[in-house]
Amino acid sequence: MSGGRDQILGSIRAGLGRGRLDAATEATLTESLKAHRRNLVPARAAALDHAGQIALFIAMAEEVDATIARVADTDAVPAAVADYLTGQNLPARLVMTPDPQLDPIPWNNRPMLEIRRGRAEDGDAVGVTACFAAIAETGTLMLLSGPDSPTRNNFLPDTHVVVLRASQVVAAYEEGWDRLRAKGAMPRTVNFITGPSRTGDIEQRLVLGAHGPRRLHIVLIDDAGA
């Protein structure tokens, strides 16, 4: 354990008026944490087959004002993005993360799309990112930070377009964490995004885009036989 962590935990113990746990109790807690034991998981998603989970994800995402375009394969993604931007009267300029998941998509099929790969900056109105997983029970996207997926790209552009594969849809949060643990290394940040940014703090009126994107659009690719 690092010296800084020791100091922080020591201060917490002092505040609680107790010392370190005995070895047996500490070993029990360590094993409990390693087990990742699941608590109650809602049956509304877990009881469905994968096609049902995808349908539930779509319904839950649309319920919180996300929009979804479902396409047959990666070849159809550029057209889906371009059509969405046109329908929303948005510029065809976008910043895209350098995520390798987006590399197989033939973006040059739509040469009118002006694409810059990299970090989002002030003035970027539209951002496109990939996704790690999608949670059916709440219509939530699970995005990871990293050199190829800067967290700021999820929040800075006013319009966030997410490319999601049907094979990435899971029933519950626990399955999303299982997939992440299987990767081996944890990212610095895990973002769970459910619909566009919103607040009801001002006169209890719902305002979109208060702390992040005003629009969340998901392009869902029907891969893996989904």
Foldseek 3Di string as FASTA:
>chain_A
DDPVVVVVVVVVCVVVVHDDDDPVVVVVVVVVVVVLDDDDDDCCQVVDDLVSLVVLLQVLLVVQPAAEDEDAALQCVLVVVVVVCVVVVHQLEAEEFQDPVNVVRPNVVPVSRHYHYDDDDPPGQEYEYEFQAAESVRSKTKHADDRRRHPVSQFRHQEYEYEYESVRYDHHVSVSVVVQVVVPDHGPDIDIDRFFDWDLPPVRDIDGSPRGHNHYYYYYHHPPVD
